[in-house]
N, C-alpha and C. Protein backbone atom coordinates (compact mmCIF):
# COMPACT_ATOMS: atom_id res chain seq x y z
N MET A 1 108.29 60.68 67.00
CA MET A 1 108.40 62.00 68.15
C MET A 1 109.40 61.33 69.30
N LYS A 2 110.39 61.25 70.14
CA LYS A 2 111.01 60.62 71.50
C LYS A 2 110.15 60.72 72.20
N ALA A 3 110.22 59.57 73.19
CA ALA A 3 108.82 59.84 74.21
C ALA A 3 109.23 60.05 75.16
N TRP A 4 110.01 61.07 76.05
CA TRP A 4 110.70 61.94 76.79
C TRP A 4 110.22 62.95 75.85
N LEU A 5 110.39 63.57 74.80
CA LEU A 5 109.57 64.58 74.20
C LEU A 5 107.77 64.87 74.25
N ARG A 6 107.09 63.87 73.85
CA ARG A 6 105.93 63.58 74.48
C ARG A 6 105.58 63.57 75.76
N LEU A 7 106.33 63.24 76.34
CA LEU A 7 106.03 63.60 78.26
C LEU A 7 106.37 64.91 78.52
N LEU A 8 107.28 65.71 77.80
CA LEU A 8 107.68 67.08 78.45
C LEU A 8 106.46 68.16 77.87
N LYS A 9 106.26 67.54 76.62
CA LYS A 9 104.88 68.44 76.14
C LYS A 9 103.64 68.09 76.84
N ALA A 10 103.41 66.65 77.02
CA ALA A 10 101.81 66.67 77.92
C ALA A 10 102.41 67.56 79.19
N ARG A 11 103.70 67.21 80.00
CA ARG A 11 103.74 68.24 81.16
C ARG A 11 103.21 69.86 81.13
N ILE A 12 103.85 70.29 80.00
CA ILE A 12 103.29 71.80 80.01
C ILE A 12 102.21 72.01 79.62
N LEU A 13 101.36 71.46 78.56
CA LEU A 13 100.17 71.45 78.54
C LEU A 13 99.14 71.38 79.79
N LEU A 14 99.71 70.16 80.77
CA LEU A 14 99.45 70.13 81.82
C LEU A 14 99.60 71.54 82.81
N LEU A 15 100.61 72.10 82.72
CA LEU A 15 100.91 73.48 83.50
C LEU A 15 100.02 74.46 83.27
N CYS A 16 99.71 74.66 81.53
CA CYS A 16 98.91 75.56 80.92
C CYS A 16 97.74 75.63 81.27
N ALA A 17 97.33 74.16 81.35
CA ALA A 17 96.01 74.02 81.72
C ALA A 17 95.53 74.20 83.14
N LEU A 18 96.33 73.99 84.17
CA LEU A 18 96.24 74.78 85.27
C LEU A 18 96.04 75.99 85.20
N ALA A 19 97.07 76.55 84.74
CA ALA A 19 96.97 77.98 84.81
C ALA A 19 95.74 78.68 84.02
N ALA A 20 94.93 77.87 83.16
CA ALA A 20 93.77 78.75 82.88
C ALA A 20 92.90 78.14 83.26
N VAL A 21 92.67 77.39 84.56
CA VAL A 21 91.84 76.94 85.67
C VAL A 21 91.63 78.29 86.71
N ILE A 22 93.16 78.71 87.14
CA ILE A 22 93.31 79.33 87.76
C ILE A 22 92.77 80.65 87.48
N VAL A 23 93.04 81.41 85.99
CA VAL A 23 92.32 82.34 85.33
C VAL A 23 90.97 82.56 85.45
N GLY A 24 90.71 81.10 85.37
CA GLY A 24 89.00 81.10 85.03
C GLY A 24 88.33 81.06 86.29
N ILE A 25 88.74 81.12 87.80
CA ILE A 25 88.22 81.17 88.91
C ILE A 25 87.74 82.83 89.21
N ALA A 26 89.20 83.79 88.76
CA ALA A 26 89.34 84.92 88.93
C ALA A 26 87.53 85.89 88.56
N PRO A 27 87.12 85.16 87.28
CA PRO A 27 85.53 86.31 87.33
C PRO A 27 84.56 85.74 87.62
N VAL A 28 84.53 84.22 88.45
CA VAL A 28 83.81 83.25 89.03
C VAL A 28 84.05 84.00 90.53
N LEU A 29 84.88 84.22 90.79
CA LEU A 29 84.83 84.57 91.95
C LEU A 29 84.68 86.36 92.24
N TYR A 30 84.28 86.74 91.13
CA TYR A 30 84.20 88.19 91.04
C TYR A 30 82.52 88.46 90.84
N LEU A 31 82.18 87.69 90.27
CA LEU A 31 80.71 87.42 90.43
C LEU A 31 79.97 87.00 91.87
N LEU A 32 80.79 86.10 92.46
CA LEU A 32 80.28 85.81 93.79
C LEU A 32 80.35 86.98 94.83
N GLY A 33 81.81 87.86 94.63
CA GLY A 33 81.63 88.97 95.66
C GLY A 33 80.66 89.74 95.22
N LEU A 34 80.18 90.14 94.14
CA LEU A 34 79.43 90.97 94.22
C LEU A 34 78.04 90.68 94.98
N VAL A 35 77.77 89.50 94.41
CA VAL A 35 76.66 88.73 94.92
C VAL A 35 76.46 88.57 96.51
N ALA A 36 77.80 88.12 97.14
CA ALA A 36 78.03 88.32 98.57
C ALA A 36 77.71 90.01 98.85
N TRP A 37 77.89 90.62 98.52
CA TRP A 37 78.20 92.18 99.15
C TRP A 37 76.43 92.33 98.64
N GLN A 38 75.94 91.79 98.06
CA GLN A 38 74.41 92.46 97.60
C GLN A 38 73.56 91.97 98.52
N VAL A 39 73.72 90.53 99.31
CA VAL A 39 73.43 89.91 100.03
C VAL A 39 73.62 90.54 101.52
N ASP A 40 74.81 90.80 101.81
CA ASP A 40 75.09 91.71 102.78
C ASP A 40 74.46 92.82 102.97
N ILE A 41 74.57 93.52 102.31
CA ILE A 41 73.31 94.83 102.40
C ILE A 41 71.82 94.57 102.36
N TRP A 42 71.57 93.73 101.78
CA TRP A 42 70.02 93.02 101.68
C TRP A 42 69.87 93.02 103.51
N LEU A 43 70.73 92.10 103.75
CA LEU A 43 70.76 91.60 105.04
C LEU A 43 70.77 93.00 106.50
N ASN A 44 71.69 93.16 106.44
CA ASN A 44 71.70 95.30 107.19
C ASN A 44 70.70 95.40 107.05
N THR A 45 70.73 96.21 105.77
CA THR A 45 69.01 97.32 105.61
C THR A 45 68.11 96.88 104.84
N ARG A 46 67.88 95.58 104.68
CA ARG A 46 66.79 94.90 104.02
C ARG A 46 66.28 96.15 102.56
N ALA A 47 67.46 96.07 101.75
CA ALA A 47 66.85 97.27 100.95
C ALA A 47 68.30 96.29 99.72
N TRP A 48 67.43 96.05 98.59
CA TRP A 48 68.40 95.28 97.42
C TRP A 48 69.10 96.35 96.70
N ILE A 49 70.16 96.31 96.25
CA ILE A 49 71.17 97.26 95.50
C ILE A 49 71.12 96.57 94.21
N PRO A 50 70.12 96.89 92.92
CA PRO A 50 70.54 96.03 91.97
C PRO A 50 72.01 96.54 91.34
N LEU A 51 72.82 95.93 91.03
CA LEU A 51 74.21 96.14 89.95
C LEU A 51 73.92 95.89 88.60
N PRO A 52 72.90 96.68 87.85
CA PRO A 52 72.59 96.25 86.48
C PRO A 52 74.30 96.69 85.58
N ALA A 53 73.93 95.46 84.22
CA ALA A 53 75.64 96.01 83.71
C ALA A 53 75.52 96.97 82.84
N ALA A 54 74.16 97.85 83.07
CA ALA A 54 74.59 98.97 82.32
C ALA A 54 75.36 100.00 83.34
N LEU A 55 75.74 99.83 84.27
CA LEU A 55 76.67 100.58 85.02
C LEU A 55 78.05 100.96 85.11
N ALA A 56 78.19 100.08 83.53
CA ALA A 56 79.47 99.79 83.37
C ALA A 56 80.31 101.13 81.99
N PHE A 57 78.63 101.41 81.90
CA PHE A 57 79.19 102.53 80.98
C PHE A 57 78.12 103.71 81.34
N THR A 58 78.02 103.71 82.63
CA THR A 58 77.69 105.01 83.27
C THR A 58 78.56 106.27 83.39
N ASP A 59 78.31 107.46 83.80
CA ASP A 59 79.57 108.29 84.20
C ASP A 59 79.94 108.08 85.70
N ARG A 60 80.79 108.22 85.91
CA ARG A 60 81.43 107.89 87.62
C ARG A 60 81.09 109.35 88.14
N ALA A 61 80.84 109.73 88.13
CA ALA A 61 80.65 110.87 88.96
C ALA A 61 79.02 111.11 89.60
N LEU A 62 78.22 110.61 88.48
CA LEU A 62 76.75 110.25 88.93
C LEU A 62 76.95 109.44 90.04
N LEU A 63 77.65 108.40 90.17
CA LEU A 63 77.57 107.03 91.05
C LEU A 63 78.66 107.21 92.61
N ARG A 64 79.04 108.37 92.36
CA ARG A 64 80.22 108.45 93.20
C ARG A 64 79.25 108.94 94.78
N GLY A 65 78.42 109.54 95.02
CA GLY A 65 78.20 109.82 96.43
C GLY A 65 76.99 108.81 96.35
N GLY A 66 76.45 108.06 95.54
CA GLY A 66 75.31 107.31 95.97
C GLY A 66 75.60 105.83 96.79
N GLU A 67 74.53 105.03 97.06
CA GLU A 67 75.17 103.88 97.85
C GLU A 67 76.01 102.69 97.33
N LEU A 68 76.02 102.91 96.18
CA LEU A 68 77.01 102.12 95.34
C LEU A 68 78.55 102.64 95.44
N ALA A 69 78.69 103.57 96.26
CA ALA A 69 80.40 103.70 96.46
C ALA A 69 81.01 102.84 97.41
N PRO A 70 80.65 101.91 98.28
CA PRO A 70 81.61 101.19 98.93
C PRO A 70 81.78 100.19 97.45
N VAL A 71 80.98 99.85 96.35
CA VAL A 71 81.55 98.97 95.27
C VAL A 71 82.21 99.55 93.88
N LEU A 72 82.07 100.43 93.99
CA LEU A 72 82.11 101.56 92.87
C LEU A 72 83.89 101.33 91.95
N ALA A 73 84.62 100.81 93.31
CA ALA A 73 86.11 100.49 92.75
C ALA A 73 85.91 99.11 91.87
N PHE A 74 84.84 98.29 92.17
CA PHE A 74 84.75 96.43 91.61
C PHE A 74 84.34 97.15 90.28
N ILE A 75 83.74 98.20 89.91
CA ILE A 75 82.70 98.65 88.54
C ILE A 75 83.69 98.48 87.51
N PRO A 76 83.73 97.75 86.41
CA PRO A 76 84.24 98.09 85.47
C PRO A 76 83.89 99.48 85.00
N HIS A 77 84.96 100.12 84.20
CA HIS A 77 83.90 101.68 83.92
C HIS A 77 84.68 101.69 82.07
N LEU A 78 84.08 101.70 81.12
CA LEU A 78 84.13 101.49 79.98
C LEU A 78 83.57 102.94 79.14
N PRO A 79 84.83 103.72 79.24
CA PRO A 79 84.48 105.26 78.87
C PRO A 79 84.35 105.36 77.46
N LEU A 80 84.91 104.38 76.59
CA LEU A 80 84.89 104.96 75.06
C LEU A 80 83.29 104.14 74.36
N LEU A 81 82.68 103.33 75.54
CA LEU A 81 81.27 103.54 75.31
C LEU A 81 80.38 104.00 75.72
N THR A 82 80.65 104.54 76.22
CA THR A 82 79.82 105.59 76.82
C THR A 82 78.68 106.86 76.09
N HIS A 83 79.39 106.94 74.42
CA HIS A 83 79.07 107.99 73.67
C HIS A 83 77.85 106.97 72.41
N ILE A 84 77.64 105.88 72.67
CA ILE A 84 77.01 105.33 72.04
C ILE A 84 75.55 105.84 72.26
N ASP A 85 74.44 105.76 70.73
CA ASP A 85 73.31 106.52 70.12
C ASP A 85 72.37 105.44 70.38
N TRP A 86 71.40 105.32 71.70
CA TRP A 86 70.95 104.03 71.88
C TRP A 86 69.36 104.27 71.17
N THR A 87 69.59 105.26 69.99
CA THR A 87 68.19 105.02 69.71
C THR A 87 67.84 103.99 68.25
N TRP A 88 68.47 103.36 68.35
CA TRP A 88 68.63 102.17 67.40
C TRP A 88 67.68 100.98 67.89
N SER A 89 67.20 100.09 67.17
CA SER A 89 65.94 99.09 67.46
C SER A 89 67.33 98.40 68.32
N THR A 90 68.10 98.04 67.47
CA THR A 90 69.57 96.59 68.07
C THR A 90 69.80 97.25 69.30
N SER A 91 69.83 98.33 69.37
CA SER A 91 71.22 99.27 70.42
C SER A 91 70.23 99.32 71.63
N GLU A 92 68.26 99.49 71.22
CA GLU A 92 67.68 99.75 72.26
C GLU A 92 67.37 98.18 73.05
N LEU A 93 67.71 96.88 72.02
CA LEU A 93 67.64 95.85 73.09
C LEU A 93 68.68 95.83 73.61
N ALA A 94 69.99 96.10 72.97
CA ALA A 94 71.14 95.82 74.03
C ALA A 94 70.87 97.05 75.25
N ALA A 95 70.34 97.90 75.39
CA ALA A 95 70.31 98.99 76.30
C ALA A 95 69.13 98.11 77.12
N GLN A 96 68.00 97.39 76.84
CA GLN A 96 67.67 96.46 77.78
C GLN A 96 68.08 95.43 78.37
N ILE A 97 68.71 94.33 77.94
CA ILE A 97 69.80 93.72 78.46
C ILE A 97 70.41 93.74 78.83
N LEU A 98 71.45 95.25 79.30
CA LEU A 98 72.38 95.28 79.77
C LEU A 98 71.72 96.22 81.37
N ARG A 99 70.31 96.69 81.47
CA ARG A 99 69.54 97.24 82.34
C ARG A 99 69.25 95.95 83.07
N HIS A 100 68.98 95.02 82.74
CA HIS A 100 68.66 93.77 83.67
C HIS A 100 69.22 92.43 83.85
N LEU A 101 70.36 92.28 83.17
CA LEU A 101 71.50 91.26 83.44
C LEU A 101 72.57 91.87 84.46
N HIS A 102 72.57 91.19 85.37
CA HIS A 102 73.25 91.16 86.59
C HIS A 102 75.01 91.74 85.79
N LEU A 103 75.64 92.81 86.74
CA LEU A 103 77.14 93.11 86.32
C LEU A 103 78.19 91.97 86.18
N GLY A 104 77.62 90.90 87.15
CA GLY A 104 78.89 89.98 87.26
C GLY A 104 78.60 88.52 86.33
N VAL A 105 77.41 88.62 85.88
CA VAL A 105 77.08 87.45 84.88
C VAL A 105 77.93 87.32 83.85
N LEU A 106 78.13 87.98 82.77
CA LEU A 106 78.85 87.79 81.87
C LEU A 106 80.51 87.20 81.89
N PRO A 107 81.04 88.24 83.08
CA PRO A 107 82.31 87.49 83.27
C PRO A 107 82.21 86.00 84.30
N GLY A 108 81.32 85.96 85.09
CA GLY A 108 81.19 84.57 85.25
C GLY A 108 80.88 83.54 84.57
N LEU A 109 80.21 83.93 83.82
CA LEU A 109 80.03 82.50 82.44
C LEU A 109 81.29 82.65 81.69
N ILE A 110 82.02 83.39 81.44
CA ILE A 110 83.46 83.54 80.83
C ILE A 110 83.92 82.61 81.64
N GLY A 111 84.45 82.76 82.95
CA GLY A 111 85.26 82.30 83.45
C GLY A 111 85.05 80.96 83.69
N CYS A 112 83.57 80.76 83.74
CA CYS A 112 83.11 79.04 83.79
C CYS A 112 83.28 78.40 82.67
N ALA A 113 83.68 79.34 81.66
CA ALA A 113 83.57 78.38 80.11
C ALA A 113 85.37 78.11 80.00
N ILE A 114 85.71 78.99 81.03
CA ILE A 114 87.85 79.14 80.84
C ILE A 114 88.25 77.61 81.24
N MET A 115 87.64 77.52 83.09
CA MET A 115 87.64 76.57 84.05
C MET A 115 87.51 75.06 83.44
N THR A 116 86.09 75.07 82.57
CA THR A 116 85.64 73.79 82.05
C THR A 116 86.62 73.54 81.18
N THR A 117 87.17 74.21 80.12
CA THR A 117 87.92 73.98 79.12
C THR A 117 89.22 73.84 79.80
N GLY A 118 89.65 74.79 80.53
CA GLY A 118 90.96 74.12 81.87
C GLY A 118 91.08 72.77 82.64
N ILE A 119 89.85 72.29 83.02
CA ILE A 119 89.70 71.29 83.96
C ILE A 119 89.52 70.04 82.77
N SER A 120 89.20 70.18 82.21
CA SER A 120 88.78 69.02 80.45
C SER A 120 90.39 68.42 80.07
N THR A 121 91.09 69.89 79.85
CA THR A 121 92.30 69.74 79.74
C THR A 121 93.11 69.11 80.52
N VAL A 122 93.36 69.34 81.55
CA VAL A 122 94.04 68.71 82.90
C VAL A 122 93.70 67.20 82.89
N LEU A 123 92.55 66.85 82.54
CA LEU A 123 92.22 65.33 82.66
C LEU A 123 92.78 64.92 81.81
N ARG A 124 92.89 65.13 80.63
CA ARG A 124 93.36 64.69 79.45
C ARG A 124 93.99 64.57 79.44
N GLN A 125 95.14 65.84 79.99
CA GLN A 125 97.14 65.08 80.13
C GLN A 125 97.46 64.55 81.15
N ARG A 126 96.66 64.10 82.28
CA ARG A 126 97.23 63.88 83.23
C ARG A 126 96.86 62.06 82.91
N VAL A 127 95.74 61.64 82.02
CA VAL A 127 95.89 60.51 81.65
C VAL A 127 96.64 60.10 80.62
N LEU A 128 97.57 61.08 79.84
CA LEU A 128 98.57 61.09 78.35
C LEU A 128 99.65 60.55 79.24
N ILE A 129 100.23 61.56 80.41
CA ILE A 129 101.09 61.30 81.50
C ILE A 129 101.36 60.14 81.61
N ARG A 130 100.16 59.35 82.02
CA ARG A 130 100.29 57.75 82.63
C ARG A 130 100.37 56.88 81.69
N ILE A 131 100.04 56.90 80.49
CA ILE A 131 100.22 56.25 79.65
C ILE A 131 101.78 56.14 78.87
N HIS A 132 102.45 57.78 78.96
CA HIS A 132 103.66 57.98 78.53
C HIS A 132 104.30 57.17 79.32
N LYS A 133 104.29 57.67 80.90
CA LYS A 133 104.96 56.62 81.78
C LYS A 133 105.13 55.28 82.25
N GLN A 134 103.54 54.63 81.57
CA GLN A 134 103.96 53.56 81.63
C GLN A 134 104.58 52.68 80.53
N ARG A 135 104.66 53.60 78.81
CA ARG A 135 105.55 52.99 77.82
C ARG A 135 106.96 53.12 78.22
N ARG A 136 107.22 54.36 78.99
CA ARG A 136 108.71 54.05 79.29
C ARG A 136 109.17 53.30 80.54
N LYS A 137 108.22 52.72 80.82
CA LYS A 137 108.67 51.57 82.24
C LYS A 137 108.66 49.96 81.30
N GLU A 138 107.83 49.82 80.11
CA GLU A 138 107.37 48.65 79.05
C GLU A 138 107.90 49.11 77.99
N PRO A 139 108.99 48.68 77.62
CA PRO A 139 109.26 49.02 75.84
C PRO A 139 108.71 47.78 75.54
N VAL A 140 108.56 48.69 74.19
CA VAL A 140 107.80 47.64 73.15
C VAL A 140 109.04 47.12 72.56
N GLN A 141 108.57 45.83 71.92
CA GLN A 141 109.19 44.68 71.35
C GLN A 141 109.43 45.06 69.86
N PRO A 142 110.41 44.96 69.55
CA PRO A 142 110.94 45.09 68.34
C PRO A 142 109.90 44.12 66.90
N LEU A 143 109.44 44.24 66.14
CA LEU A 143 108.83 43.43 65.33
C LEU A 143 109.77 42.80 64.31
N ASP A 144 110.90 43.01 64.28
CA ASP A 144 111.84 42.52 63.27
C ASP A 144 112.05 41.08 63.93
N ASP A 145 112.19 40.58 64.53
CA ASP A 145 112.35 39.17 64.92
C ASP A 145 111.08 37.99 64.47
N ARG A 146 110.43 38.74 64.67
CA ARG A 146 109.12 37.63 64.28
C ARG A 146 108.76 37.93 62.76
N ARG A 147 108.21 36.48 62.37
CA ARG A 147 107.68 36.08 61.19
C ARG A 147 106.49 35.85 61.11
N GLU A 148 105.81 36.79 59.96
CA GLU A 148 103.90 36.67 60.22
C GLU A 148 104.05 35.55 58.83
N PRO A 149 102.97 34.71 59.34
CA PRO A 149 102.74 33.60 58.25
C PRO A 149 102.40 34.24 57.19
N VAL A 150 102.60 33.27 56.06
CA VAL A 150 102.37 34.05 54.37
C VAL A 150 101.26 33.11 54.15
N ILE A 151 100.08 34.05 54.17
CA ILE A 151 98.77 33.07 53.75
C ILE A 151 98.70 33.85 51.99
N ASP A 152 98.21 32.55 51.29
CA ASP A 152 98.50 32.23 49.83
C ASP A 152 97.46 31.91 49.24
N ALA A 153 97.04 32.10 47.86
CA ALA A 153 95.74 31.65 47.36
C ALA A 153 95.62 30.12 47.59
N ALA A 154 96.71 29.60 47.69
CA ALA A 154 96.77 28.28 48.05
C ALA A 154 96.08 27.44 49.28
N GLY A 155 96.44 28.21 50.07
CA GLY A 155 95.65 27.93 51.70
C GLY A 155 94.27 28.06 51.40
N PHE A 156 93.61 29.03 50.33
CA PHE A 156 92.10 29.24 50.78
C PHE A 156 91.67 28.09 49.93
N ALA A 157 92.10 27.53 48.54
CA ALA A 157 90.83 26.70 47.45
C ALA A 157 90.94 25.60 48.50
N PRO A 158 89.56 25.09 48.13
CA PRO A 158 89.34 23.69 48.16
C PRO A 158 90.30 22.64 47.62
N SER A 159 90.25 21.70 48.56
CA SER A 159 91.38 20.36 47.94
C SER A 159 89.95 19.44 47.62
N PRO A 160 90.24 18.66 46.71
CA PRO A 160 89.34 17.75 46.34
C PRO A 160 89.29 16.87 47.20
N ALA A 161 90.02 16.41 48.19
CA ALA A 161 89.54 15.23 49.22
C ALA A 161 88.68 15.94 49.98
N ASN A 162 88.22 16.86 50.17
CA ASN A 162 87.88 17.83 51.29
C ASN A 162 85.88 17.91 50.66
N ASP A 163 86.04 17.45 49.57
CA ASP A 163 84.82 17.64 48.95
C ASP A 163 83.49 16.38 48.93
N THR A 164 84.60 15.42 49.50
CA THR A 164 83.45 13.92 49.54
C THR A 164 83.11 14.37 50.80
N PRO A 165 81.44 13.94 51.56
CA PRO A 165 81.14 14.44 52.75
C PRO A 165 81.56 12.64 53.72
N ALA A 166 81.88 13.03 55.01
CA ALA A 166 82.52 12.17 55.52
C ALA A 166 81.31 10.67 55.74
N PRO A 167 81.50 9.58 56.18
CA PRO A 167 81.13 8.62 56.24
C PRO A 167 79.82 8.90 57.71
N GLN A 168 78.84 8.81 57.48
CA GLN A 168 77.97 8.96 58.48
C GLN A 168 77.25 7.73 59.52
N PRO A 169 77.67 7.33 60.57
CA PRO A 169 77.05 5.71 60.98
C PRO A 169 75.70 5.90 60.71
N ALA A 170 75.78 4.65 60.70
CA ALA A 170 73.74 4.14 60.41
C ALA A 170 73.07 4.37 60.96
N ASP A 171 73.27 4.08 62.50
CA ASP A 171 72.39 3.81 63.65
C ASP A 171 72.35 5.33 64.36
N THR A 172 72.66 6.47 63.50
CA THR A 172 72.75 7.90 64.42
C THR A 172 71.24 7.86 65.39
N SER A 173 70.07 7.66 64.72
CA SER A 173 68.97 7.62 65.33
C SER A 173 68.63 7.30 66.38
N LEU A 174 68.90 5.91 66.62
CA LEU A 174 69.09 4.64 67.81
C LEU A 174 69.96 5.85 68.66
N GLU A 175 71.08 5.72 69.02
CA GLU A 175 72.16 6.24 69.56
C GLU A 175 71.46 7.58 69.89
N ARG A 176 71.01 8.69 69.24
CA ARG A 176 70.33 9.60 70.01
C ARG A 176 69.63 9.19 71.04
N THR A 177 67.96 8.50 70.68
CA THR A 177 67.11 7.83 71.21
C THR A 177 67.65 7.79 72.71
N ARG A 178 68.97 7.07 72.45
CA ARG A 178 69.41 6.58 73.97
C ARG A 178 69.81 7.60 74.85
N GLN A 179 70.67 8.32 74.48
CA GLN A 179 71.14 9.30 74.96
C GLN A 179 70.27 10.43 75.87
N LEU A 180 68.99 10.62 74.90
CA LEU A 180 67.80 11.71 75.55
C LEU A 180 67.12 10.87 76.94
N ARG A 181 67.14 9.19 76.91
CA ARG A 181 66.38 8.49 77.27
C ARG A 181 67.28 8.81 78.66
N ALA A 182 69.04 8.75 78.42
CA ALA A 182 69.77 8.62 79.82
C ALA A 182 69.88 10.33 79.99
N CYS A 183 69.53 11.04 79.60
CA CYS A 183 69.55 12.37 79.91
C CYS A 183 67.97 12.51 80.97
N ARG A 184 66.98 12.01 80.60
CA ARG A 184 65.76 12.13 81.07
C ARG A 184 65.88 11.29 82.73
N GLN A 185 66.34 10.20 82.58
CA GLN A 185 66.42 9.39 83.34
C GLN A 185 67.17 9.90 84.67
N ALA A 186 67.92 10.66 84.17
CA ALA A 186 69.20 11.39 85.12
C ALA A 186 68.33 12.37 85.51
N ARG A 187 67.61 13.27 84.98
CA ARG A 187 66.78 14.33 85.84
C ARG A 187 65.25 13.84 86.49
N GLY A 188 64.93 12.49 86.60
CA GLY A 188 64.23 11.93 87.34
C GLY A 188 62.60 12.19 86.47
N ARG A 189 62.77 12.41 84.88
CA ARG A 189 61.38 12.49 84.23
C ARG A 189 61.39 11.14 84.12
N PRO A 190 59.79 10.61 83.60
CA PRO A 190 59.44 9.53 83.15
C PRO A 190 59.95 9.13 81.62
N VAL A 191 60.49 7.65 81.46
CA VAL A 191 60.67 7.74 80.01
C VAL A 191 59.30 7.14 79.18
N LYS A 192 59.48 7.73 78.39
CA LYS A 192 58.85 6.85 77.16
C LYS A 192 58.86 5.96 76.47
N ARG A 193 58.06 4.71 76.31
CA ARG A 193 59.14 3.41 75.78
C ARG A 193 58.04 3.28 74.41
N ARG A 194 58.26 3.42 73.37
CA ARG A 194 57.48 2.93 72.28
C ARG A 194 57.48 1.42 72.55
N ALA A 195 55.96 1.23 71.83
CA ALA A 195 55.75 -0.29 71.61
C ALA A 195 56.63 -0.63 70.45
N ALA A 196 56.26 -2.16 70.87
CA ALA A 196 57.28 -2.73 69.58
C ALA A 196 56.14 -2.92 68.74
N ALA A 197 56.83 -2.86 67.70
CA ALA A 197 55.89 -3.26 66.36
C ALA A 197 55.69 -4.48 65.91
């Protein structure tokens, strides 16, 4: 794939990831708006108005005259699901969850997941764009002009000349003793001398 095409692909994915971040912000702002409205009502009247998720499944005619009238336009209405029979045990569990869960929690969690995915994609695409730009500036050298060294079996086989050990000086222990004494004297340690036998 050509380098400019990879760079174009990375930029398009970056724009799509930014769009995902913007789309993910909307449900989070919806949750924050509902909570801010509840807090405002609580500060003004000292009465907390609950917004359970079950409000999305209730009849609108019952909610129009009550205290939810100012926020009724922001509560989603799911009329197709209002005819659910809540007598089953699993549906009763779902009904309990809907009665206790805040109306904006599910959209907020979905928005956070979308934003997290978008942000991680944005960060990854920024790195890829930087890499592609750097590769554009520094073109890769072709390997055709180079010659690799050939390593064959003869290079690994031991030669008979290397089988014999190198000759060692006969007086290595005496030389080693002199070196140790010189090191000790340089460090300021006392030197022990052997008694002549």
